[in-house]
PDB file of all heavy atoms in Angstrom:
ATOM      1  N   SER A   1      55.677 134.971 128.937  1.00  0.00           N
ATOM      2  CA  SER A   1      56.040 134.402 127.626  1.00  0.00           C
ATOM      3  C   SER A   1      54.858 133.745 126.935  1.00  0.00           C
ATOM      4  O   SER A   1      54.779 133.678 125.728  1.00  0.00           O
ATOM      5  CB  SER A   1      57.193 133.400 127.820  1.00  0.00           C
ATOM      6  OG  SER A   1      56.779 132.293 128.606  1.00  0.00           O
ATOM      7  N   ALA A   2      53.904 133.228 127.740  1.00  0.00           N
ATOM      8  CA  ALA A   2      52.718 132.597 127.155  1.00  0.00           C
ATOM      9  C   ALA A   2      51.876 133.625 126.406  1.00  0.00           C
ATOM     10  O   ALA A   2      51.319 133.337 125.366  1.00  0.00           O
ATOM     11  CB  ALA A   2      51.885 131.925 128.239  1.00  0.00           C
ATOM     12  N   ILE A   3      51.790 134.853 126.980  1.00  0.00           N
ATOM     13  CA  ILE A   3      51.045 135.921 126.296  1.00  0.00           C
ATOM     14  C   ILE A   3      51.748 136.281 125.008  1.00  0.00           C
ATOM     15  O   ILE A   3      51.100 136.497 123.972  1.00  0.00           O
ATOM     16  CB  ILE A   3      50.926 137.127 127.230  1.00  0.00           C
ATOM     17  CG1 ILE A   3      50.224 136.779 128.517  1.00  0.00           C
ATOM     18  CG2 ILE A   3      50.194 138.287 126.507  1.00  0.00           C
ATOM     19  CD1 ILE A   3      48.821 136.275 128.335  1.00  0.00           C
ATOM     20  N   THR A   4      53.081 136.402 125.048  1.00  0.00           N
ATOM     21  CA  THR A   4      53.823 136.760 123.837  1.00  0.00           C
ATOM     22  C   THR A   4      53.616 135.706 122.746  1.00  0.00           C
ATOM     23  O   THR A   4      53.371 136.054 121.584  1.00  0.00           O
ATOM     24  CB  THR A   4      55.334 136.869 124.173  1.00  0.00           C
ATOM     25  OG1 THR A   4      55.513 137.890 125.151  1.00  0.00           O
ATOM     26  CG2 THR A   4      56.122 137.213 122.928  1.00  0.00           C
ATOM     27  N   LEU A   5      53.699 134.418 123.119  1.00  0.00           N
ATOM     28  CA  LEU A   5      53.489 133.356 122.162  1.00  0.00           C
ATOM     29  C   LEU A   5      52.093 133.384 121.594  1.00  0.00           C
ATOM     30  O   LEU A   5      51.882 133.151 120.373  1.00  0.00           O
ATOM     31  CB  LEU A   5      53.784 131.998 122.804  1.00  0.00           C
ATOM     32  CG  LEU A   5      55.240 131.697 123.156  1.00  0.00           C
ATOM     33  CD1 LEU A   5      55.351 130.407 123.963  1.00  0.00           C
ATOM     34  CD2 LEU A   5      56.085 131.589 121.901  1.00  0.00           C
ATOM     35  N   THR A   6      51.105 133.678 122.436  1.00  0.00           N
ATOM     36  CA  THR A   6      49.723 133.741 121.981  1.00  0.00           C
ATOM     37  C   THR A   6      49.518 134.851 120.968  1.00  0.00           C
ATOM     38  O   THR A   6      48.924 134.660 119.889  1.00  0.00           O
ATOM     39  CB  THR A   6      48.771 133.935 123.180  1.00  0.00           C
ATOM     40  OG1 THR A   6      48.944 132.866 124.113  1.00  0.00           O
ATOM     41  CG2 THR A   6      47.315 133.981 122.717  1.00  0.00           C
ATOM     42  N   LEU A   7      50.020 136.030 121.290  1.00  0.00           N
ATOM     43  CA  LEU A   7      49.850 137.176 120.381  1.00  0.00           C
ATOM     44  C   LEU A   7      50.626 136.987 119.077  1.00  0.00           C
ATOM     45  O   LEU A   7      50.273 137.567 118.060  1.00  0.00           O
ATOM     46  CB  LEU A   7      50.247 138.472 121.079  1.00  0.00           C
ATOM     47  CG  LEU A   7      49.389 138.869 122.263  1.00  0.00           C
ATOM     48  CD1 LEU A   7      49.861 140.197 122.855  1.00  0.00           C
ATOM     49  CD2 LEU A   7      47.916 138.957 121.880  1.00  0.00           C
ATOM     50  N   ASN A   8      51.700 136.206 119.142  1.00  0.00           N
ATOM     51  CA  ASN A   8      52.478 135.940 117.936  1.00  0.00           C
ATOM     52  C   ASN A   8      51.935 134.782 117.118  1.00  0.00           C
ATOM     53  O   ASN A   8      52.505 134.387 116.106  1.00  0.00           O
ATOM     54  CB  ASN A   8      53.941 135.630 118.293  1.00  0.00           C
ATOM     55  CG  ASN A   8      54.686 136.892 118.764  1.00  0.00           C
ATOM     56  OD1 ASN A   8      54.262 138.014 118.486  1.00  0.00           O
ATOM     57  ND2 ASN A   8      55.783 136.702 119.481  1.00  0.00           N
ATOM     58  N   GLY A   9      50.794 134.230 117.616  1.00  0.00           N
ATOM     59  CA  GLY A   9      50.184 133.117 116.869  1.00  0.00           C
ATOM     60  C   GLY A   9      50.865 131.792 117.020  1.00  0.00           C
ATOM     61  O   GLY A   9      50.580 130.847 116.270  1.00  0.00           O
ATOM     62  N   LYS A  10      51.738 131.647 118.038  1.00  0.00           N
ATOM     63  CA  LYS A  10      52.453 130.395 118.238  1.00  0.00           C
ATOM     64  C   LYS A  10      51.882 129.568 119.374  1.00  0.00           C
ATOM     65  O   LYS A  10      52.390 128.504 119.698  1.00  0.00           O
ATOM     66  CB  LYS A  10      53.949 130.704 118.505  1.00  0.00           C
ATOM     67  CG  LYS A  10      54.627 131.365 117.328  1.00  0.00           C
ATOM     68  CD  LYS A  10      56.114 131.639 117.646  1.00  0.00           C
ATOM     69  CE  LYS A  10      56.788 132.282 116.430  1.00  0.00           C
ATOM     70  NZ  LYS A  10      58.221 132.585 116.721  1.00  0.00           N
ATOM     71  N   ARG A  11      50.852 130.107 119.998  1.00  0.00           N
ATOM     72  CA  ARG A  11      50.172 129.387 121.098  1.00  0.00           C
ATOM     73  C   ARG A  11      48.675 129.682 120.959  1.00  0.00           C
ATOM     74  O   ARG A  11      48.288 130.831 120.857  1.00  0.00           O
ATOM     75  CB  ARG A  11      50.670 129.825 122.455  1.00  0.00           C
ATOM     76  CG  ARG A  11      49.942 129.219 123.648  1.00  0.00           C
ATOM     77  CD  ARG A  11      50.447 129.806 124.969  1.00  0.00           C
ATOM     78  NE  ARG A  11      49.679 129.335 126.102  1.00  0.00           N
ATOM     79  CZ  ARG A  11      48.546 129.864 126.538  1.00  0.00           C
ATOM     80  NH1 ARG A  11      48.025 130.915 125.909  1.00  0.00           N
ATOM     81  NH2 ARG A  11      47.897 129.342 127.591  1.00  0.00           N
ATOM     82  N   ARG A  12      47.858 128.623 120.996  1.00  0.00           N
ATOM     83  CA  ARG A  12      46.418 128.806 120.824  1.00  0.00           C
ATOM     84  C   ARG A  12      45.804 129.309 122.130  1.00  0.00           C
ATOM     85  O   ARG A  12      46.065 128.726 123.197  1.00  0.00           O
ATOM     86  CB  ARG A  12      45.758 127.500 120.393  1.00  0.00           C
ATOM     87  CG  ARG A  12      44.255 127.609 120.163  1.00  0.00           C
ATOM     88  CD  ARG A  12      43.719 126.264 119.703  1.00  0.00           C
ATOM     89  NE  ARG A  12      42.271 126.265 119.603  1.00  0.00           N
ATOM     90  CZ  ARG A  12      41.570 126.723 118.573  1.00  0.00           C
ATOM     91  NH1 ARG A  12      42.219 127.229 117.547  1.00  0.00           N
ATOM     92  NH2 ARG A  12      40.278 126.699 118.562  1.00  0.00           N
ATOM     93  N   MET A  13      45.008 130.330 122.053  1.00  0.00           N
ATOM     94  CA  MET A  13      44.302 130.841 123.236  1.00  0.00           C
ATOM     95  C   MET A  13      43.228 129.843 123.641  1.00  0.00           C
ATOM     96  O   MET A  13      42.471 129.356 122.808  1.00  0.00           O
ATOM     97  CB  MET A  13      43.668 132.204 122.923  1.00  0.00           C
ATOM     98  CG  MET A  13      42.967 132.836 124.134  1.00  0.00           C
ATOM     99  SD  MET A  13      42.158 134.399 123.688  1.00  0.00           S
ATOM    100  CE  MET A  13      43.562 135.396 123.253  1.00  0.00           C
ATOM    101  N   GLN A  14      43.171 129.532 124.941  1.00  0.00           N
ATOM    102  CA  GLN A  14      42.146 128.635 125.454  1.00  0.00           C
ATOM    103  C   GLN A  14      40.834 129.405 125.639  1.00  0.00           C
ATOM    104  O   GLN A  14      40.813 130.612 125.861  1.00  0.00           O
ATOM    105  CB  GLN A  14      42.579 128.041 126.788  1.00  0.00           C
ATOM    106  CG  GLN A  14      43.900 127.259 126.721  1.00  0.00           C
ATOM    107  CD  GLN A  14      43.810 126.062 125.786  1.00  0.00           C
ATOM    108  OE1 GLN A  14      42.879 125.270 125.894  1.00  0.00           O
ATOM    109  NE2 GLN A  14      44.766 125.940 124.882  1.00  0.00           N
ATOM    110  N   LEU A  15      39.696 128.683 125.545  1.00  0.00           N
ATOM    111  CA  LEU A  15      38.418 129.343 125.663  1.00  0.00           C
ATOM    112  C   LEU A  15      38.226 130.012 127.018  1.00  0.00           C
ATOM    113  O   LEU A  15      37.665 131.100 127.105  1.00  0.00           O
ATOM    114  CB  LEU A  15      37.290 128.332 125.437  1.00  0.00           C
ATOM    115  CG  LEU A  15      37.111 127.854 123.998  1.00  0.00           C
ATOM    116  CD1 LEU A  15      36.070 126.753 123.922  1.00  0.00           C
ATOM    117  CD2 LEU A  15      36.689 129.010 123.094  1.00  0.00           C
ATOM    118  N   ASP A  16      38.698 129.352 128.074  1.00  0.00           N
ATOM    119  CA  ASP A  16      38.551 129.982 129.408  1.00  0.00           C
ATOM    120  C   ASP A  16      39.432 131.226 129.517  1.00  0.00           C
ATOM    121  O   ASP A  16      39.063 132.188 130.196  1.00  0.00           O
ATOM    122  CB  ASP A  16      38.884 128.984 130.508  1.00  0.00           C
ATOM    123  CG  ASP A  16      40.360 128.583 130.482  1.00  0.00           C
ATOM    124  OD1 ASP A  16      40.833 128.094 129.452  1.00  0.00           O
ATOM    125  OD2 ASP A  16      41.033 128.764 131.513  1.00  0.00           O
ATOM    126  N   GLU A  17      40.556 131.224 128.815  1.00  0.00           N
ATOM    127  CA  GLU A  17      41.411 132.420 128.811  1.00  0.00           C
ATOM    128  C   GLU A  17      40.733 133.563 128.125  1.00  0.00           C
ATOM    129  O   GLU A  17      40.789 134.738 128.538  1.00  0.00           O
ATOM    130  CB  GLU A  17      42.748 132.108 128.124  1.00  0.00           C
ATOM    131  CG  GLU A  17      43.636 131.128 128.899  1.00  0.00           C
ATOM    132  CD  GLU A  17      44.868 130.704 128.114  1.00  0.00           C
ATOM    133  OE1 GLU A  17      45.049 131.184 126.987  1.00  0.00           O
ATOM    134  OE2 GLU A  17      45.617 129.876 128.632  1.00  0.00           O
ATOM    135  N   ALA A  18      40.021 133.248 126.998  1.00  0.00           N
ATOM    136  CA  ALA A  18      39.294 134.284 126.273  1.00  0.00           C
ATOM    137  C   ALA A  18      38.240 134.936 127.162  1.00  0.00           C
ATOM    138  O   ALA A  18      38.063 136.164 127.152  1.00  0.00           O
ATOM    139  CB  ALA A  18      38.639 133.687 125.047  1.00  0.00           C
ATOM    140  N   SER A  19      37.547 134.126 127.969  1.00  0.00           N
ATOM    141  CA  SER A  19      36.529 134.653 128.856  1.00  0.00           C
ATOM    142  C   SER A  19      37.164 135.574 129.923  1.00  0.00           C
ATOM    143  O   SER A  19      36.620 136.640 130.215  1.00  0.00           O
ATOM    144  CB  SER A  19      35.821 133.477 129.543  1.00  0.00           C
ATOM    145  OG  SER A  19      34.854 133.966 130.477  1.00  0.00           O
ATOM    146  N   ARG A  20      38.309 135.168 130.437  1.00  0.00           N
ATOM    147  CA  ARG A  20      38.964 135.988 131.480  1.00  0.00           C
ATOM    148  C   ARG A  20      39.576 137.248 130.873  1.00  0.00           C
ATOM    149  O   ARG A  20      39.606 138.289 131.517  1.00  0.00           O
ATOM    150  CB  ARG A  20      40.015 135.140 132.197  1.00  0.00           C
ATOM    151  CG  ARG A  20      39.402 133.963 132.956  1.00  0.00           C
ATOM    152  CD  ARG A  20      40.438 133.086 133.597  1.00  0.00           C
ATOM    153  NE  ARG A  20      41.098 133.783 134.718  1.00  0.00           N
ATOM    154  CZ  ARG A  20      42.174 133.296 135.324  1.00  0.00           C
ATOM    155  NH1 ARG A  20      42.729 132.165 134.947  1.00  0.00           N
ATOM    156  NH2 ARG A  20      42.705 133.974 136.325  1.00  0.00           N
ATOM    157  N   ILE A  21      40.084 137.159 129.657  1.00  0.00           N
ATOM    158  CA  ILE A  21      40.621 138.352 128.991  1.00  0.00           C
ATOM    159  C   ILE A  21      39.497 139.368 128.743  1.00  0.00           C
ATOM    160  O   ILE A  21      39.688 140.569 128.891  1.00  0.00           O
ATOM    161  CB  ILE A  21      41.305 137.954 127.654  1.00  0.00           C
ATOM    162  CG1 ILE A  21      42.597 137.189 127.966  1.00  0.00           C
ATOM    163  CG2 ILE A  21      41.614 139.185 126.810  1.00  0.00           C
ATOM    164  CD1 ILE A  21      43.255 136.600 126.727  1.00  0.00           C
ATOM    165  N   ALA A  22      38.313 138.848 128.358  1.00  0.00           N
ATOM    166  CA  ALA A  22      37.171 139.732 128.185  1.00  0.00           C
ATOM    167  C   ALA A  22      36.843 140.491 129.467  1.00  0.00           C
ATOM    168  O   ALA A  22      36.545 141.689 129.464  1.00  0.00           O
ATOM    169  CB  ALA A  22      35.967 138.939 127.692  1.00  0.00           C
ATOM    170  N   THR A  23      36.908 139.762 130.594  1.00  0.00           N
ATOM    171  CA  THR A  23      36.676 140.391 131.906  1.00  0.00           C
ATOM    172  C   THR A  23      37.755 141.433 132.197  1.00  0.00           C
ATOM    173  O   THR A  23      37.473 142.540 132.652  1.00  0.00           O
ATOM    174  CB  THR A  23      36.670 139.325 132.999  1.00  0.00           C
ATOM    175  OG1 THR A  23      35.613 138.397 132.741  1.00  0.00           O
ATOM    176  CG2 THR A  23      36.456 139.947 134.374  1.00  0.00           C
ATOM    177  N   PHE A  24      39.012 141.092 131.901  1.00  0.00           N
ATOM    178  CA  PHE A  24      40.138 141.986 132.177  1.00  0.00           C
ATOM    179  C   PHE A  24      40.027 143.264 131.352  1.00  0.00           C
ATOM    180  O   PHE A  24      40.302 144.366 131.882  1.00  0.00           O
ATOM    181  CB  PHE A  24      41.436 141.244 131.810  1.00  0.00           C
ATOM    182  CG  PHE A  24      42.693 142.021 132.119  1.00  0.00           C
ATOM    183  CD1 PHE A  24      43.133 142.174 133.435  1.00  0.00           C
ATOM    184  CD2 PHE A  24      43.463 142.557 131.086  1.00  0.00           C
ATOM    185  CE1 PHE A  24      44.295 142.886 133.719  1.00  0.00           C
ATOM    186  CE2 PHE A  24      44.620 143.260 131.372  1.00  0.00           C
ATOM    187  CZ  PHE A  24      45.031 143.431 132.679  1.00  0.00           C
ATOM    188  N   LEU A  25      39.606 143.132 130.108  1.00  0.00           N
ATOM    189  CA  LEU A  25      39.520 144.323 129.243  1.00  0.00           C
ATOM    190  C   LEU A  25      38.176 145.020 129.306  1.00  0.00           C
ATOM    191  O   LEU A  25      38.033 146.153 128.863  1.00  0.00           O
ATOM    192  CB  LEU A  25      39.776 143.900 127.775  1.00  0.00           C
ATOM    193  CG  LEU A  25      41.173 143.339 127.450  1.00  0.00           C
ATOM    194  CD1 LEU A  25      41.222 142.889 126.021  1.00  0.00           C
ATOM    195  CD2 LEU A  25      42.230 144.391 127.734  1.00  0.00           C
ATOM    196  N   GLY A  26      37.166 144.336 129.854  1.00  0.00           N
ATOM    197  CA  GLY A  26      35.827 144.918 129.896  1.00  0.00           C
ATOM    198  C   GLY A  26      35.163 144.972 128.555  1.00  0.00           C
ATOM    199  O   GLY A  26      34.487 145.920 128.225  1.00  0.00           O
ATOM    200  N   VAL A  27      35.359 143.887 127.747  1.00  0.00           N
ATOM    201  CA  VAL A  27      34.751 143.812 126.424  1.00  0.00           C
ATOM    202  C   VAL A  27      33.985 142.527 126.300  1.00  0.00           C
ATOM    203  O   VAL A  27      34.196 141.592 127.089  1.00  0.00           O
ATOM    204  CB  VAL A  27      35.823 143.909 125.320  1.00  0.00           C
ATOM    205  CG1 VAL A  27      36.583 145.227 125.389  1.00  0.00           C
ATOM    206  CG2 VAL A  27      36.793 142.728 125.398  1.00  0.00           C
ATOM    207  N   PRO A  28      33.063 142.415 125.332  1.00  0.00           N
ATOM    208  CA  PRO A  28      32.347 141.155 125.145  1.00  0.00           C
ATOM    209  C   PRO A  28      33.288 140.015 124.767  1.00  0.00           C
ATOM    210  O   PRO A  28      34.262 140.214 124.022  1.00  0.00           O
ATOM    211  CB  PRO A  28      31.382 141.464 123.999  1.00  0.00           C
ATOM    212  CG  PRO A  28      31.240 142.958 124.000  1.00  0.00           C
ATOM    213  CD  PRO A  28      32.580 143.470 124.415  1.00  0.00           C
ATOM    214  N   VAL A  29      33.043 138.841 125.291  1.00  0.00           N
ATOM    215  CA  VAL A  29      33.876 137.683 125.005  1.00  0.00           C
ATOM    216  C   VAL A  29      33.877 137.388 123.494  1.00  0.00           C
ATOM    217  O   VAL A  29      34.880 136.878 122.959  1.00  0.00           O
ATOM    218  CB  VAL A  29      33.467 136.470 125.817  1.00  0.00           C
ATOM    219  CG1 VAL A  29      32.087 135.956 125.382  1.00  0.00           C
ATOM    220  CG2 VAL A  29      34.498 135.344 125.732  1.00  0.00           C
ATOM    221  N   GLU A  30      32.776 137.705 122.809  1.00  0.00           N
ATOM    222  CA  GLU A  30      32.716 137.468 121.371  1.00  0.00           C
ATOM    223  C   GLU A  30      33.795 138.257 120.633  1.00  0.00           C
ATOM    224  O   GLU A  30      34.351 137.767 119.628  1.00  0.00           O
ATOM    225  CB  GLU A  30      31.336 137.844 120.826  1.00  0.00           C
ATOM    226  CG  GLU A  30      30.208 136.892 121.247  1.00  0.00           C
ATOM    227  CD  GLU A  30      29.725 137.177 122.659  1.00  0.00           C
ATOM    228  OE1 GLU A  30      30.146 138.212 123.257  1.00  0.00           O
ATOM    229  OE2 GLU A  30      28.898 136.397 123.152  1.00  0.00           O
ATOM    230  N   GLU A  31      34.080 139.471 121.119  1.00  0.00           N
ATOM    231  CA  GLU A  31      35.138 140.292 120.489  1.00  0.00           C
ATOM    232  C   GLU A  31      36.500 139.650 120.672  1.00  0.00           C
ATOM    233  O   GLU A  31      37.338 139.648 119.767  1.00  0.00           O
ATOM    234  CB  GLU A  31      35.140 141.694 121.096  1.00  0.00           C
ATOM    235  CG  GLU A  31      34.010 142.578 120.632  1.00  0.00           C
ATOM    236  CD  GLU A  31      34.117 142.874 119.134  1.00  0.00           C
ATOM    237  OE1 GLU A  31      35.178 143.386 118.709  1.00  0.00           O
ATOM    238  OE2 GLU A  31      33.165 142.601 118.407  1.00  0.00           O
ATOM    239  N   VAL A  32      36.745 139.129 121.869  1.00  0.00           N
ATOM    240  CA  VAL A  32      38.022 138.468 122.147  1.00  0.00           C
ATOM    241  C   VAL A  32      38.160 137.221 121.252  1.00  0.00           C
ATOM    242  O   VAL A  32      39.207 136.999 120.613  1.00  0.00           O
ATOM    243  CB  VAL A  32      38.138 138.092 123.617  1.00  0.00           C
ATOM    244  CG1 VAL A  32      39.409 137.273 123.886  1.00  0.00           C
ATOM    245  CG2 VAL A  32      38.138 139.333 124.506  1.00  0.00           C
ATOM    246  N   LEU A  33      37.115 136.424 121.180  1.00  0.00           N
ATOM    247  CA  LEU A  33      37.153 135.206 120.373  1.00  0.00           C
ATOM    248  C   LEU A  33      37.389 135.528 118.887  1.00  0.00           C
ATOM    249  O   LEU A  33      38.198 134.877 118.225  1.00  0.00           O
ATOM    250  CB  LEU A  33      35.855 134.405 120.557  1.00  0.00           C
ATOM    251  CG  LEU A  33      35.638 133.781 121.931  1.00  0.00           C
ATOM    252  CD1 LEU A  33      34.209 133.274 122.040  1.00  0.00           C
ATOM    253  CD2 LEU A  33      36.630 132.663 122.152  1.00  0.00           C
ATOM    254  N   LYS A  34      36.685 136.535 118.410  1.00  0.00           N
ATOM    255  CA  LYS A  34      36.827 136.904 117.004  1.00  0.00           C
ATOM    256  C   LYS A  34      38.239 137.347 116.669  1.00  0.00           C
ATOM    257  O   LYS A  34      38.827 136.917 115.694  1.00  0.00           O
ATOM    258  CB  LYS A  34      35.849 138.034 116.654  1.00  0.00           C
ATOM    259  CG  LYS A  34      35.903 138.509 115.210  1.00  0.00           C
ATOM    260  CD  LYS A  34      34.887 139.586 114.922  1.00  0.00           C
ATOM    261  CE  LYS A  34      35.275 140.881 115.623  1.00  0.00           C
ATOM    262  NZ  LYS A  34      34.353 142.010 115.264  1.00  0.00           N
ATOM    263  N   ASN A  35      38.847 138.186 117.527  1.00  0.00           N
ATOM    264  CA  ASN A  35      40.185 138.691 117.240  1.00  0.00           C
ATOM    265  C   ASN A  35      41.288 137.691 117.594  1.00  0.00           C
ATOM    266  O   ASN A  35      42.442 137.865 117.164  1.00  0.00           O
ATOM    267  CB  ASN A  35      40.402 139.995 118.010  1.00  0.00           C
ATOM    268  CG  ASN A  35      39.659 141.170 117.397  1.00  0.00           C
ATOM    269  OD1 ASN A  35      40.073 141.719 116.394  1.00  0.00           O
ATOM    270  ND2 ASN A  35      38.508 141.514 117.989  1.00  0.00           N
ATOM    271  N   ALA A  36      40.912 136.645 118.306  1.00  0.00           N
ATOM    272  CA  ALA A  36      41.868 135.575 118.572  1.00  0.00           C
ATOM    273  C   ALA A  36      41.803 134.493 117.503  1.00  0.00           C
ATOM    274  O   ALA A  36      42.568 133.546 117.543  1.00  0.00           O
ATOM    275  CB  ALA A  36      41.613 134.954 119.955  1.00  0.00           C
ATOM    276  N   GLY A  37      40.888 134.668 116.539  1.00  0.00           N
ATOM    277  CA  GLY A  37      40.788 133.685 115.452  1.00  0.00           C
ATOM    278  C   GLY A  37      40.089 132.424 115.898  1.00  0.00           C
ATOM    279  O   GLY A  37      40.226 131.362 115.248  1.00  0.00           O
ATOM    280  N   LEU A  38      39.281 132.511 116.990  1.00  0.00           N
ATOM    281  CA  LEU A  38      38.527 131.342 117.448  1.00  0.00           C
ATOM    282  C   LEU A  38      37.108 131.461 116.914  1.00  0.00           C
ATOM    283  O   LEU A  38      36.356 132.325 117.358  1.00  0.00           O
ATOM    284  CB  LEU A  38      38.518 131.269 118.975  1.00  0.00           C
ATOM    285  CG  LEU A  38      39.899 131.137 119.637  1.00  0.00           C
ATOM    286  CD1 LEU A  38      39.780 131.230 121.162  1.00  0.00           C
ATOM    287  CD2 LEU A  38      40.543 129.842 119.216  1.00  0.00           C
TER     288      LEU A  38
END
């Protein structure tokens, strides 16, 4: 549910989460931060 809330813009993504999502997807963390609105 935390992922759903995050993608719906109702929960702010944490910086450490952005780093781990970048690892999970295999993309630069800058891309994750940009698309998360951070």
